[in-house]
Amino acid sequence: MPTEDFFGGADPPLAPAERRGQASRLMRRALFALVVAALLGLVLVFGAGEELSRPATRSIGQAPADLRAETVRLPLSPTESVSGWFARGEGRGAVLLLHGIRADRTRMVDRARFLLAEGYSVLLIDLPSHGESSGKRITFGAHESAAVSASLRYLADELPEERIGVIGVSLGAASLVLSRPSPPPNAVVLESMFPSIADAVANRLVIRFGPMGSVLAPLLLWQLPLRADVSAEDLRPVLALSSLGSPLLVASGTKDRHTPWAETERIFAAARQPKELWAVHGAAHVDLYAYGPAAYKARILTFLSRYLRD
């Protein structure tokens, strides 16, 4: 039927050819909008890949005076090395401290302080492409694992009679597991570790963009070989965990959306005995020591004492 215009008059009906032309124009506009949205999405995802893998290097400076630590530099190759601080304890064991993504060794200083107070030696390092360590790209545990291996060798050489433990947070935890250390450390604490890079990417995109974020995950994972010279198949610490062979404490927050509790339970199930699971109730993807220092110290010191001293 004809329609009335603003002044009450009636528009003449469109001819069939005109209707087809109008429908064609609407379809072209919709297709154009879809192409533009897809291109914007690609640009956004490509930019996210660049940001995630971009080095997080920065100047660190001297260690806090109360640590009484010396600066160390561990070679990885003729052109790459790892920077860190080593503080000698009282012969009661040693602990390697590994920070999370886009952080550096300074984030582990509070842990180092209470460990030193208990007589442990501590080694705090900057993972490759973080802090003062060299590196062209963050590789989410693949190349960072070489720094873990070098650090464990350093501690074994410096303290040949002492047992060695590791506390790894998120990226640090994955780097330890992916290093497949031999011999294994005498005790390992894994905090907020992702089971696979595919899970980690999907979770973070869903947090940022809602349920549709998971659709973008393959586009980010596709960039891994191009940016970091590593594939998603290489970044599945949950599969490497069964070969670790160390007494294990798995800790994570029950409100962590980056690594949901169900994923932490999957990690724990994949690990060998002896193992312990610590649910930090109410904590998100945060520094678990800062979230509850007293509870953290009590749980960690009890665990480390059992395997590094008894």
C-alpha atoms as a PDB file:
ATOM      1  CA  MET A   1       0.000   0.000   0.000  1.00  0.00           C
ATOM      2  CA  PRO A   2       1.191   3.574  -0.563  1.00  0.00           C
ATOM      3  CA  THR A   3       2.497   5.349   2.503  1.00  0.00           C
ATOM      4  CA  GLU A   4       1.638   8.845   3.718  1.00  0.00           C
ATOM      5  CA  ASP A   5       4.413  11.434   3.764  1.00  0.00           C
ATOM      6  CA  PHE A   6       4.937  14.058   6.498  1.00  0.00           C
ATOM      7  CA  PHE A   7       2.291  16.383   5.060  1.00  0.00           C
ATOM      8  CA  GLY A   8      -0.323  13.668   4.746  1.00  0.00           C
ATOM      9  CA  GLY A   9       0.130  12.944   1.051  1.00  0.00           C
ATOM     10  CA  ALA A  10       0.603   9.435  -0.258  1.00  0.00           C
ATOM     11  CA  ASP A  11       3.850   8.187  -1.903  1.00  0.00           C
ATOM     12  CA  PRO A  12       3.361   6.365  -5.157  1.00  0.00           C
ATOM     13  CA  PRO A  13       4.190   2.640  -4.964  1.00  0.00           C
ATOM     14  CA  LEU A  14       7.689   1.609  -6.087  1.00  0.00           C
ATOM     15  CA  ALA A  15       8.064  -0.207  -9.350  1.00  0.00           C
ATOM     16  CA  PRO A  16       9.489  -3.760  -9.131  1.00  0.00           C
ATOM     17  CA  ALA A  17      12.811  -2.636 -10.615  1.00  0.00           C
ATOM     18  CA  GLU A  18      13.051   0.181  -8.081  1.00  0.00           C
ATOM     19  CA  ARG A  19      12.335  -2.240  -5.230  1.00  0.00           C
ATOM     20  CA  ARG A  20      15.078  -4.576  -6.454  1.00  0.00           C
ATOM     21  CA  GLY A  21      17.479  -1.659  -6.720  1.00  0.00           C
ATOM     22  CA  GLN A  22      16.664  -0.487  -3.207  1.00  0.00           C
ATOM     23  CA  ALA A  23      17.184  -4.005  -1.808  1.00  0.00           C
ATOM     24  CA  SER A  24      20.486  -4.269  -3.666  1.00  0.00           C
ATOM     25  CA  ARG A  25      21.689  -0.968  -2.203  1.00  0.00           C
ATOM     26  CA  LEU A  26      20.747  -2.067   1.318  1.00  0.00           C
ATOM     27  CA  MET A  27      22.580  -5.352   0.828  1.00  0.00           C
ATOM     28  CA  ARG A  28      25.719  -3.563  -0.408  1.00  0.00           C
ATOM     29  CA  ARG A  29      25.638  -1.238   2.590  1.00  0.00           C
ATOM     30  CA  ALA A  30      25.259  -4.159   5.010  1.00  0.00           C
ATOM     31  CA  LEU A  31      28.100  -6.015   3.295  1.00  0.00           C
ATOM     32  CA  PHE A  32      30.298  -2.916   3.442  1.00  0.00           C
ATOM     33  CA  ALA A  33      29.565  -2.484   7.161  1.00  0.00           C
ATOM     34  CA  LEU A  34      30.416  -6.145   7.765  1.00  0.00           C
ATOM     35  CA  VAL A  35      33.722  -5.840   5.904  1.00  0.00           C
ATOM     36  CA  VAL A  36      34.624  -2.687   7.839  1.00  0.00           C
ATOM     37  CA  ALA A  37      33.797  -4.383  11.155  1.00  0.00           C
ATOM     38  CA  ALA A  38      35.906  -7.413  10.184  1.00  0.00           C
ATOM     39  CA  LEU A  39      38.847  -5.215   9.223  1.00  0.00           C
ATOM     40  CA  LEU A  40      38.585  -3.267  12.467  1.00  0.00           C
ATOM     41  CA  GLY A  41      38.502  -6.556  14.362  1.00  0.00           C
ATOM     42  CA  LEU A  42      41.630  -7.769  12.572  1.00  0.00           C
ATOM     43  CA  VAL A  43      43.439  -4.527  13.339  1.00  0.00           C
ATOM     44  CA  LEU A  44      42.389  -4.787  16.984  1.00  0.00           C
ATOM     45  CA  VAL A  45      43.526  -8.405  17.317  1.00  0.00           C
ATOM     46  CA  PHE A  46      46.788  -7.753  15.485  1.00  0.00           C
ATOM     47  CA  GLY A  47      47.454  -4.832  17.814  1.00  0.00           C
ATOM     48  CA  ALA A  48      46.668  -7.019  20.822  1.00  0.00           C
ATOM     49  CA  GLY A  49      49.191  -9.598  19.598  1.00  0.00           C
ATOM     50  CA  GLU A  50      51.820  -6.895  19.287  1.00  0.00           C
ATOM     51  CA  GLU A  51      51.100  -5.555  22.761  1.00  0.00           C
ATOM     52  CA  LEU A  52      51.100  -8.973  24.456  1.00  0.00           C
ATOM     53  CA  SER A  53      54.416 -10.098  22.978  1.00  0.00           C
ATOM     54  CA  ARG A  54      56.194  -6.746  23.130  1.00  0.00           C
ATOM     55  CA  PRO A  55      59.228  -6.816  25.488  1.00  0.00           C
ATOM     56  CA  ALA A  56      58.667  -5.416  28.973  1.00  0.00           C
ATOM     57  CA  THR A  57      62.282  -4.397  29.551  1.00  0.00           C
ATOM     58  CA  ARG A  58      63.213  -1.583  31.896  1.00  0.00           C
ATOM     59  CA  SER A  59      66.062  -0.432  34.140  1.00  0.00           C
ATOM     60  CA  ILE A  60      65.950  -2.035  37.594  1.00  0.00           C
ATOM     61  CA  GLY A  61      68.965  -0.654  39.454  1.00  0.00           C
ATOM     62  CA  GLN A  62      70.389  -1.912  42.713  1.00  0.00           C
ATOM     63  CA  ALA A  63      68.762  -4.437  45.006  1.00  0.00           C
ATOM     64  CA  PRO A  64      67.095  -3.143  48.180  1.00  0.00           C
ATOM     65  CA  ALA A  65      69.773  -2.745  50.828  1.00  0.00           C
ATOM     66  CA  ASP A  66      68.086  -5.086  53.318  1.00  0.00           C
ATOM     67  CA  LEU A  67      68.364  -8.027  50.882  1.00  0.00           C
ATOM     68  CA  ARG A  68      72.179  -7.804  50.895  1.00  0.00           C
ATOM     69  CA  ALA A  69      72.017  -9.241  47.381  1.00  0.00           C
ATOM     70  CA  GLU A  70      74.579  -9.221  44.605  1.00  0.00           C
ATOM     71  CA  THR A  71      73.650  -8.599  40.981  1.00  0.00           C
ATOM     72  CA  VAL A  72      74.183 -11.595  38.718  1.00  0.00           C
ATOM     73  CA  ARG A  73      74.036 -12.030  34.956  1.00  0.00           C
ATOM     74  CA  LEU A  74      73.548 -15.531  33.619  1.00  0.00           C
ATOM     75  CA  PRO A  75      74.457 -16.184  29.964  1.00  0.00           C
ATOM     76  CA  LEU A  76      71.926 -17.904  27.723  1.00  0.00           C
ATOM     77  CA  SER A  77      73.792 -17.466  24.441  1.00  0.00           C
ATOM     78  CA  PRO A  78      76.582 -15.243  23.067  1.00  0.00           C
ATOM     79  CA  THR A  79      74.042 -12.434  22.684  1.00  0.00           C
ATOM     80  CA  GLU A  80      71.431 -13.104  25.400  1.00  0.00           C
ATOM     81  CA  SER A  81      71.569 -13.171  29.177  1.00  0.00           C
ATOM     82  CA  VAL A  82      69.408 -13.082  32.277  1.00  0.00           C
ATOM     83  CA  SER A  83      69.751 -10.485  35.031  1.00  0.00           C
ATOM     84  CA  GLY A  84      68.982 -11.125  38.666  1.00  0.00           C
ATOM     85  CA  TRP A  85      69.800 -10.718  42.338  1.00  0.00           C
ATOM     86  CA  PHE A  86      71.289 -13.463  44.484  1.00  0.00           C
ATOM     87  CA  ALA A  87      71.145 -13.252  48.269  1.00  0.00           C
ATOM     88  CA  ARG A  88      72.906 -15.934  50.300  1.00  0.00           C
ATOM     89  CA  GLY A  89      71.066 -17.351  53.292  1.00  0.00           C
ATOM     90  CA  GLU A  90      72.135 -19.510  56.217  1.00  0.00           C
ATOM     91  CA  GLY A  91      72.552 -22.864  54.496  1.00  0.00           C
ATOM     92  CA  ARG A  92      68.932 -23.974  54.924  1.00  0.00           C
ATOM     93  CA  GLY A  93      68.040 -24.325  51.247  1.00  0.00           C
ATOM     94  CA  ALA A  94      67.594 -22.040  48.243  1.00  0.00           C
ATOM     95  CA  VAL A  95      64.527 -20.719  46.405  1.00  0.00           C
ATOM     96  CA  LEU A  96      64.288 -19.442  42.826  1.00  0.00           C
ATOM     97  CA  LEU A  97      61.634 -16.715  42.431  1.00  0.00           C
ATOM     98  CA  LEU A  98      59.930 -16.257  39.039  1.00  0.00           C
ATOM     99  CA  HIS A  99      57.598 -13.313  38.372  1.00  0.00           C
ATOM    100  CA  GLY A 100      54.517 -13.037  36.144  1.00  0.00           C
ATOM    101  CA  ILE A 101      54.073 -11.561  32.685  1.00  0.00           C
ATOM    102  CA  ARG A 102      55.159  -7.958  32.073  1.00  0.00           C
ATOM    103  CA  ALA A 103      56.581  -7.758  35.615  1.00  0.00           C
ATOM    104  CA  ASP A 104      60.193  -8.151  36.817  1.00  0.00           C
ATOM    105  CA  ARG A 105      62.225  -9.363  39.812  1.00  0.00           C
ATOM    106  CA  THR A 106      61.147  -6.422  41.977  1.00  0.00           C
ATOM    107  CA  ARG A 107      57.660  -7.967  42.225  1.00  0.00           C
ATOM    108  CA  MET A 108      59.198 -10.897  44.130  1.00  0.00           C
ATOM    109  CA  VAL A 109      61.141  -8.850  46.697  1.00  0.00           C
ATOM    110  CA  ASP A 110      58.579  -9.275  49.500  1.00  0.00           C
ATOM    111  CA  ARG A 111      58.741 -13.049  49.092  1.00  0.00           C
ATOM    112  CA  ALA A 112      62.536 -12.867  49.121  1.00  0.00           C
ATOM    113  CA  ARG A 113      62.478 -10.950  52.396  1.00  0.00           C
ATOM    114  CA  PHE A 114      60.508 -13.508  54.399  1.00  0.00           C
ATOM    115  CA  LEU A 115      62.445 -16.394  52.850  1.00  0.00           C
ATOM    116  CA  LEU A 116      65.756 -14.784  53.799  1.00  0.00           C
ATOM    117  CA  ALA A 117      64.453 -14.249  57.307  1.00  0.00           C
ATOM    118  CA  GLU A 118      63.962 -18.036  57.506  1.00  0.00           C
ATOM    119  CA  GLY A 119      67.552 -18.715  56.394  1.00  0.00           C
ATOM    120  CA  TYR A 120      66.880 -19.568  52.727  1.00  0.00           C
ATOM    121  CA  SER A 121      69.098 -18.266  49.934  1.00  0.00           C
ATOM    122  CA  VAL A 122      67.098 -16.604  47.146  1.00  0.00           C
ATOM    123  CA  LEU A 123      67.632 -15.921  43.455  1.00  0.00           C
ATOM    124  CA  LEU A 124      65.302 -13.384  41.839  1.00  0.00           C
ATOM    125  CA  ILE A 125      65.570 -13.093  38.052  1.00  0.00           C
ATOM    126  CA  ASP A 126      64.036 -11.082  35.246  1.00  0.00           C
ATOM    127  CA  LEU A 127      62.628 -13.545  32.742  1.00  0.00           C
ATOM    128  CA  PRO A 128      63.776 -12.971  29.114  1.00  0.00           C
ATOM    129  CA  SER A 129      62.285  -9.833  27.540  1.00  0.00           C
ATOM    130  CA  HIS A 130      61.471  -8.527  31.021  1.00  0.00           C
ATOM    131  CA  GLY A 131      63.294  -6.111  33.312  1.00  0.00           C
ATOM    132  CA  GLU A 132      66.998  -6.002  32.491  1.00  0.00           C
ATOM    133  CA  SER A 133      67.151  -9.388  30.748  1.00  0.00           C
ATOM    134  CA  SER A 134      67.611  -9.499  26.988  1.00  0.00           C
ATOM    135  CA  GLY A 135      65.012 -10.760  24.532  1.00  0.00           C
ATOM    136  CA  LYS A 136      63.104  -9.658  21.454  1.00  0.00           C
ATOM    137  CA  ARG A 137      59.659 -11.022  22.308  1.00  0.00           C
ATOM    138  CA  ILE A 138      57.704 -12.451  25.229  1.00  0.00           C
ATOM    139  CA  THR A 139      57.074 -16.092  24.314  1.00  0.00           C
ATOM    140  CA  PHE A 140      54.734 -17.106  27.179  1.00  0.00           C
ATOM    141  CA  GLY A 141      57.077 -19.698  28.658  1.00  0.00           C
ATOM    142  CA  ALA A 142      58.772 -21.210  25.600  1.00  0.00           C
ATOM    143  CA  HIS A 143      62.043 -19.254  25.491  1.00  0.00           C
ATOM    144  CA  GLU A 144      61.684 -18.107  29.103  1.00  0.00           C
ATOM    145  CA  SER A 145      62.205 -21.740  30.123  1.00  0.00           C
ATOM    146  CA  ALA A 146      65.886 -21.455  29.146  1.00  0.00           C
ATOM    147  CA  ALA A 147      66.319 -18.768  31.813  1.00  0.00           C
ATOM    148  CA  VAL A 148      64.811 -21.100  34.405  1.00  0.00           C
ATOM    149  CA  SER A 149      67.260 -23.860  33.460  1.00  0.00           C
ATOM    150  CA  ALA A 150      70.208 -21.459  33.680  1.00  0.00           C
ATOM    151  CA  SER A 151      69.032 -20.214  37.090  1.00  0.00           C
ATOM    152  CA  LEU A 152      68.688 -23.717  38.514  1.00  0.00           C
ATOM    153  CA  ARG A 153      72.197 -24.574  37.289  1.00  0.00           C
ATOM    154  CA  TYR A 154      73.514 -21.422  38.951  1.00  0.00           C
ATOM    155  CA  LEU A 155      71.975 -22.334  42.299  1.00  0.00           C
ATOM    156  CA  ALA A 156      73.252 -25.909  42.063  1.00  0.00           C
ATOM    157  CA  ASP A 157      76.773 -24.625  41.384  1.00  0.00           C
ATOM    158  CA  GLU A 158      76.679 -21.996  44.124  1.00  0.00           C
ATOM    159  CA  LEU A 159      75.020 -24.205  46.763  1.00  0.00           C
ATOM    160  CA  PRO A 160      75.858 -27.810  45.866  1.00  0.00           C
ATOM    161  CA  GLU A 161      74.918 -29.172  49.286  1.00  0.00           C
ATOM    162  CA  GLU A 162      71.536 -27.486  49.553  1.00  0.00           C
ATOM    163  CA  ARG A 163      68.065 -28.382  48.327  1.00  0.00           C
ATOM    164  CA  ILE A 164      66.404 -26.077  45.818  1.00  0.00           C
ATOM    165  CA  GLY A 165      62.815 -24.877  45.599  1.00  0.00           C
ATOM    166  CA  VAL A 166      60.992 -22.695  43.053  1.00  0.00           C
ATOM    167  CA  ILE A 167      58.092 -20.272  43.398  1.00  0.00           C
ATOM    168  CA  GLY A 168      56.642 -19.319  40.017  1.00  0.00           C
ATOM    169  CA  VAL A 169      53.793 -16.893  39.390  1.00  0.00           C
ATOM    170  CA  SER A 170      51.671 -17.187  36.216  1.00  0.00           C
ATOM    171  CA  LEU A 171      54.245 -16.852  33.389  1.00  0.00           C
ATOM    172  CA  GLY A 172      56.999 -17.823  35.836  1.00  0.00           C
ATOM    173  CA  ALA A 173      55.116 -20.964  36.799  1.00  0.00           C
ATOM    174  CA  ALA A 174      54.564 -21.962  33.158  1.00  0.00           C
ATOM    175  CA  SER A 175      58.230 -21.272  32.346  1.00  0.00           C
ATOM    176  CA  LEU A 176      59.355 -23.601  35.138  1.00  0.00           C
ATOM    177  CA  VAL A 177      57.093 -26.448  34.003  1.00  0.00           C
ATOM    178  CA  LEU A 178      58.012 -26.005  30.337  1.00  0.00           C
ATOM    179  CA  SER A 179      61.740 -26.089  31.187  1.00  0.00           C
ATOM    180  CA  ARG A 180      61.320 -29.767  32.174  1.00  0.00           C
ATOM    181  CA  PRO A 181      64.124 -29.458  34.750  1.00  0.00           C
ATOM    182  CA  SER A 182      66.471 -32.366  35.308  1.00  0.00           C
ATOM    183  CA  PRO A 183      67.106 -33.049  38.089  1.00  0.00           C
ATOM    184  CA  PRO A 184      63.761 -31.669  39.281  1.00  0.00           C
ATOM    185  CA  PRO A 185      63.676 -29.097  42.095  1.00  0.00           C
ATOM    186  CA  ASN A 186      63.065 -30.425  45.583  1.00  0.00           C
ATOM    187  CA  ALA A 187      59.890 -28.342  45.940  1.00  0.00           C
ATOM    188  CA  VAL A 188      57.788 -26.264  43.526  1.00  0.00           C
ATOM    189  CA  VAL A 189      55.031 -23.717  44.122  1.00  0.00           C
ATOM    190  CA  LEU A 190      52.906 -22.856  41.079  1.00  0.00           C
ATOM    191  CA  GLU A 191      50.740 -19.773  41.491  1.00  0.00           C
ATOM    192  CA  SER A 192      47.930 -18.854  39.072  1.00  0.00           C
ATOM    193  CA  MET A 193      49.386 -20.881  36.198  1.00  0.00           C
ATOM    194  CA  PHE A 194      47.464 -21.224  32.929  1.00  0.00           C
ATOM    195  CA  PRO A 195      46.964 -24.774  31.601  1.00  0.00           C
ATOM    196  CA  SER A 196      47.616 -23.740  27.991  1.00  0.00           C
ATOM    197  CA  ILE A 197      48.148 -20.561  26.027  1.00  0.00           C
ATOM    198  CA  ALA A 198      44.885 -21.270  24.179  1.00  0.00           C
ATOM    199  CA  ASP A 199      42.994 -21.220  27.492  1.00  0.00           C
ATOM    200  CA  ALA A 200      44.826 -18.098  28.649  1.00  0.00           C
ATOM    201  CA  VAL A 201      44.096 -16.155  25.468  1.00  0.00           C
ATOM    202  CA  ALA A 202      40.441 -17.180  25.304  1.00  0.00           C
ATOM    203  CA  ASN A 203      39.827 -16.256  28.951  1.00  0.00           C
ATOM    204  CA  ARG A 204      41.375 -12.834  28.559  1.00  0.00           C
ATOM    205  CA  LEU A 205      39.450 -12.048  25.382  1.00  0.00           C
ATOM    206  CA  VAL A 206      36.171 -13.062  27.016  1.00  0.00           C
ATOM    207  CA  ILE A 207      36.955 -10.765  29.956  1.00  0.00           C
ATOM    208  CA  ARG A 208      37.618  -7.912  27.528  1.00  0.00           C
ATOM    209  CA  PHE A 209      34.950  -8.459  24.867  1.00  0.00           C
ATOM    210  CA  GLY A 210      32.354 -10.789  26.388  1.00  0.00           C
ATOM    211  CA  PRO A 211      31.346 -14.229  25.050  1.00  0.00           C
ATOM    212  CA  MET A 212      32.242 -13.264  21.471  1.00  0.00           C
ATOM    213  CA  GLY A 213      35.848 -12.759  22.576  1.00  0.00           C
ATOM    214  CA  SER A 214      36.546 -16.480  22.319  1.00  0.00           C
ATOM    215  CA  VAL A 215      35.886 -16.243  18.557  1.00  0.00           C
ATOM    216  CA  LEU A 216      38.922 -13.938  18.250  1.00  0.00           C
ATOM    217  CA  ALA A 217      41.261 -16.308  20.107  1.00  0.00           C
ATOM    218  CA  PRO A 218      42.384 -18.263  16.999  1.00  0.00           C
ATOM    219  CA  LEU A 219      43.458 -14.988  15.363  1.00  0.00           C
ATOM    220  CA  LEU A 220      45.742 -14.215  18.302  1.00  0.00           C
ATOM    221  CA  LEU A 221      47.117 -17.749  18.454  1.00  0.00           C
ATOM    222  CA  TRP A 222      47.779 -17.654  14.708  1.00  0.00           C
ATOM    223  CA  GLN A 223      50.285 -14.849  15.342  1.00  0.00           C
ATOM    224  CA  LEU A 224      52.442 -16.877  17.744  1.00  0.00           C
ATOM    225  CA  PRO A 225      54.788 -18.436  15.147  1.00  0.00           C
ATOM    226  CA  LEU A 226      55.161 -15.075  13.411  1.00  0.00           C
ATOM    227  CA  ARG A 227      55.884 -13.027  16.501  1.00  0.00           C
ATOM    228  CA  ALA A 228      57.462 -15.453  18.957  1.00  0.00           C
ATOM    229  CA  ASP A 229      58.707 -18.350  16.804  1.00  0.00           C
ATOM    230  CA  VAL A 230      56.631 -20.770  18.862  1.00  0.00           C
ATOM    231  CA  SER A 231      53.335 -22.581  18.354  1.00  0.00           C
ATOM    232  CA  ALA A 232      50.357 -22.983  20.661  1.00  0.00           C
ATOM    233  CA  GLU A 233      51.172 -26.693  20.854  1.00  0.00           C
ATOM    234  CA  ASP A 234      54.468 -25.809  22.554  1.00  0.00           C
ATOM    235  CA  LEU A 235      52.693 -23.822  25.257  1.00  0.00           C
ATOM    236  CA  ARG A 236      50.655 -26.382  27.189  1.00  0.00           C
ATOM    237  CA  PRO A 237      52.207 -26.633  30.656  1.00  0.00           C
ATOM    238  CA  VAL A 238      49.355 -28.866  31.828  1.00  0.00           C
ATOM    239  CA  LEU A 239      50.714 -31.604  29.545  1.00  0.00           C
ATOM    240  CA  ALA A 240      54.308 -31.159  30.718  1.00  0.00           C
ATOM    241  CA  LEU A 241      53.334 -31.187  34.388  1.00  0.00           C
ATOM    242  CA  SER A 242      53.196 -34.972  34.735  1.00  0.00           C
ATOM    243  CA  SER A 243      56.931 -35.196  34.002  1.00  0.00           C
ATOM    244  CA  LEU A 244      57.968 -32.564  36.561  1.00  0.00           C
ATOM    245  CA  GLY A 245      58.704 -34.994  39.374  1.00  0.00           C
ATOM    246  CA  SER A 246      58.819 -32.407  42.172  1.00  0.00           C
ATOM    247  CA  PRO A 247      56.675 -32.151  45.297  1.00  0.00           C
ATOM    248  CA  LEU A 248      54.123 -29.581  44.263  1.00  0.00           C
ATOM    249  CA  LEU A 249      51.895 -26.899  45.753  1.00  0.00           C
ATOM    250  CA  VAL A 250      49.327 -25.519  43.281  1.00  0.00           C
ATOM    251  CA  ALA A 251      47.773 -22.223  44.408  1.00  0.00           C
ATOM    252  CA  SER A 252      45.210 -19.940  42.789  1.00  0.00           C
ATOM    253  CA  GLY A 253      42.387 -17.576  43.644  1.00  0.00           C
ATOM    254  CA  THR A 254      38.841 -18.903  43.578  1.00  0.00           C
ATOM    255  CA  LYS A 255      37.673 -15.689  41.849  1.00  0.00           C
ATOM    256  CA  ASP A 256      40.411 -15.707  39.210  1.00  0.00           C
ATOM    257  CA  ARG A 257      38.803 -15.108  35.792  1.00  0.00           C
ATOM    258  CA  HIS A 258      42.133 -15.269  33.925  1.00  0.00           C
ATOM    259  CA  THR A 259      42.661 -18.832  35.166  1.00  0.00           C
ATOM    260  CA  PRO A 260      39.272 -20.020  36.439  1.00  0.00           C
ATOM    261  CA  TRP A 261      39.219 -22.435  39.338  1.00  0.00           C
ATOM    262  CA  ALA A 262      38.114 -25.317  37.113  1.00  0.00           C
ATOM    263  CA  GLU A 263      41.343 -24.894  35.138  1.00  0.00           C
ATOM    264  CA  THR A 264      43.398 -24.919  38.336  1.00  0.00           C
ATOM    265  CA  GLU A 265      41.709 -28.180  39.320  1.00  0.00           C
ATOM    266  CA  ARG A 266      42.609 -29.576  35.900  1.00  0.00           C
ATOM    267  CA  ILE A 267      46.240 -28.591  36.459  1.00  0.00           C
ATOM    268  CA  PHE A 268      46.241 -30.204  39.885  1.00  0.00           C
ATOM    269  CA  ALA A 269      44.745 -33.424  38.506  1.00  0.00           C
ATOM    270  CA  ALA A 270      47.528 -33.627  35.908  1.00  0.00           C
ATOM    271  CA  ALA A 271      50.316 -33.396  38.490  1.00  0.00           C
ATOM    272  CA  ARG A 272      52.043 -36.326  40.168  1.00  0.00           C
ATOM    273  CA  GLN A 273      52.116 -36.983  43.881  1.00  0.00           C
ATOM    274  CA  PRO A 274      53.137 -35.608  46.306  1.00  0.00           C
ATOM    275  CA  LYS A 275      50.994 -32.562  45.660  1.00  0.00           C
ATOM    276  CA  GLU A 276      48.843 -30.045  47.500  1.00  0.00           C
ATOM    277  CA  LEU A 277      46.060 -27.732  46.300  1.00  0.00           C
ATOM    278  CA  TRP A 278      45.543 -24.331  47.915  1.00  0.00           C
ATOM    279  CA  ALA A 279      42.375 -22.411  47.101  1.00  0.00           C
ATOM    280  CA  VAL A 280      42.859 -18.757  48.038  1.00  0.00           C
ATOM    281  CA  HIS A 281      39.222 -17.883  48.666  1.00  0.00           C
ATOM    282  CA  GLY A 282      38.041 -14.616  47.163  1.00  0.00           C
ATOM    283  CA  ALA A 283      41.271 -13.829  45.325  1.00  0.00           C
ATOM    284  CA  ALA A 284      41.247 -12.893  41.644  1.00  0.00           C
ATOM    285  CA  HIS A 285      44.297 -12.958  39.329  1.00  0.00           C
ATOM    286  CA  VAL A 286      46.374 -11.005  41.824  1.00  0.00           C
ATOM    287  CA  ASP A 287      49.598 -11.271  43.794  1.00  0.00           C
ATOM    288  CA  LEU A 288      48.621 -13.967  46.286  1.00  0.00           C
ATOM    289  CA  TYR A 289      51.221 -12.780  48.804  1.00  0.00           C
ATOM    290  CA  ALA A 290      49.885  -9.206  48.727  1.00  0.00           C
ATOM    291  CA  TYR A 291      46.307 -10.526  48.973  1.00  0.00           C
ATOM    292  CA  GLY A 292      46.961 -12.231  52.314  1.00  0.00           C
ATOM    293  CA  PRO A 293      50.566 -11.986  53.552  1.00  0.00           C
ATOM    294  CA  ALA A 294      50.109 -13.887  56.824  1.00  0.00           C
ATOM    295  CA  ALA A 295      48.263 -16.826  55.276  1.00  0.00           C
ATOM    296  CA  TYR A 296      50.675 -16.908  52.346  1.00  0.00           C
ATOM    297  CA  LYS A 297      53.787 -16.998  54.536  1.00  0.00           C
ATOM    298  CA  ALA A 298      52.382 -19.711  56.759  1.00  0.00           C
ATOM    299  CA  ARG A 299      51.372 -21.961  53.867  1.00  0.00           C
ATOM    300  CA  ILE A 300      54.534 -21.466  51.790  1.00  0.00           C
ATOM    301  CA  LEU A 301      56.987 -21.810  54.679  1.00  0.00           C
ATOM    302  CA  THR A 302      55.310 -24.987  55.909  1.00  0.00           C
ATOM    303  CA  PHE A 303      55.485 -26.496  52.424  1.00  0.00           C
ATOM    304  CA  LEU A 304      59.099 -25.492  51.766  1.00  0.00           C
ATOM    305  CA  SER A 305      60.255 -26.632  55.198  1.00  0.00           C
ATOM    306  CA  ARG A 306      58.780 -30.083  54.599  1.00  0.00           C
ATOM    307  CA  TYR A 307      60.805 -30.657  51.417  1.00  0.00           C
ATOM    308  CA  LEU A 308      63.856 -28.428  51.686  1.00  0.00           C
ATOM    309  CA  ARG A 309      64.779 -29.147  55.295  1.00  0.00           C
ATOM    310  CA  ASP A 310      63.149 -32.326  56.622  1.00  0.00           C
END
